[in-house]
């Protein structure tokens, strides 16, 4: 199971990208988590200020 970023909630603030230990998060208008790289650690969800990141 991987984490996913809700594009309707993501503000592209950058908080999550610095927390990902495996660099699974890509920048853009909204950020995206690569499910093949995600290790399900939850570090990104813990720091998301708008709670846009949830387990898939």
Protein backbone atom coordinates (compact mmCIF):
# COMPACT_ATOMS: atom_id res chain seq x y z
CA UNK A 1 0.00 0.00 0.00
CA UNK A 2 1.30 3.44 -0.89
CA UNK A 3 0.31 6.95 0.07
CA UNK A 4 -1.50 9.25 -2.33
CA UNK A 5 -1.82 13.03 -2.50
CA UNK A 6 -5.32 14.43 -3.00
CA UNK A 7 -4.93 16.90 -5.89
CA UNK A 8 -7.93 18.91 -4.70
CA UNK A 9 -6.27 19.57 -1.34
CA UNK A 10 -2.56 19.82 -2.25
CA UNK A 11 -1.18 23.36 -2.18
CA UNK A 12 2.29 22.33 -3.48
CA UNK A 13 3.87 23.84 -0.36
CA UNK A 14 6.88 21.51 -0.45
CA UNK A 15 6.67 20.20 3.11
CA UNK A 16 6.31 16.57 2.06
CA UNK A 17 9.06 16.45 -0.55
CA UNK A 18 11.79 17.13 2.02
CA UNK A 19 10.48 14.39 4.32
CA UNK A 20 10.40 11.53 1.80
CA UNK A 21 13.41 9.25 2.45
CA UNK A 22 13.13 7.56 -0.97
CA UNK A 23 12.41 10.64 -3.14
CA UNK A 24 9.05 9.21 -4.28
CA UNK A 25 7.36 12.63 -4.50
CA UNK A 26 7.40 14.67 -7.71
CA UNK A 27 6.90 18.44 -7.84
CA UNK A 28 4.32 20.15 -10.04
CA UNK A 29 1.15 22.20 -9.77
CA UNK A 30 0.22 19.54 -7.22
CA UNK A 31 2.64 16.95 -5.95
CA UNK A 32 2.44 13.26 -6.89
CA UNK A 33 3.73 10.18 -5.07
CA UNK A 34 5.16 7.35 -7.19
CA UNK A 35 3.51 4.20 -5.78
CA UNK A 36 6.40 2.04 -7.00
CA UNK A 37 8.90 4.03 -4.92
CA UNK A 38 6.74 4.76 -1.86
CA UNK A 39 7.68 2.64 1.16
CA UNK A 40 4.50 3.52 3.11
CA UNK A 41 6.47 5.20 5.91
CA UNK A 42 3.93 8.03 6.33
CA UNK A 43 6.51 10.77 6.90
CA UNK A 44 4.92 12.90 4.19
CA UNK A 45 1.44 12.61 5.67
CA UNK A 46 2.75 13.57 9.11
CA UNK A 47 4.05 16.94 7.85
CA UNK A 48 1.30 17.89 5.37
CA UNK A 49 -0.30 21.10 6.71
CA UNK A 50 -3.56 20.57 4.78
CA UNK A 51 -3.86 16.79 5.40
CA UNK A 52 -3.86 16.07 1.65
CA UNK A 53 -1.88 12.82 1.97
CA UNK A 54 -3.55 9.52 2.87
CA UNK A 55 -2.88 5.79 2.49
CA UNK A 56 -4.27 4.41 -0.75
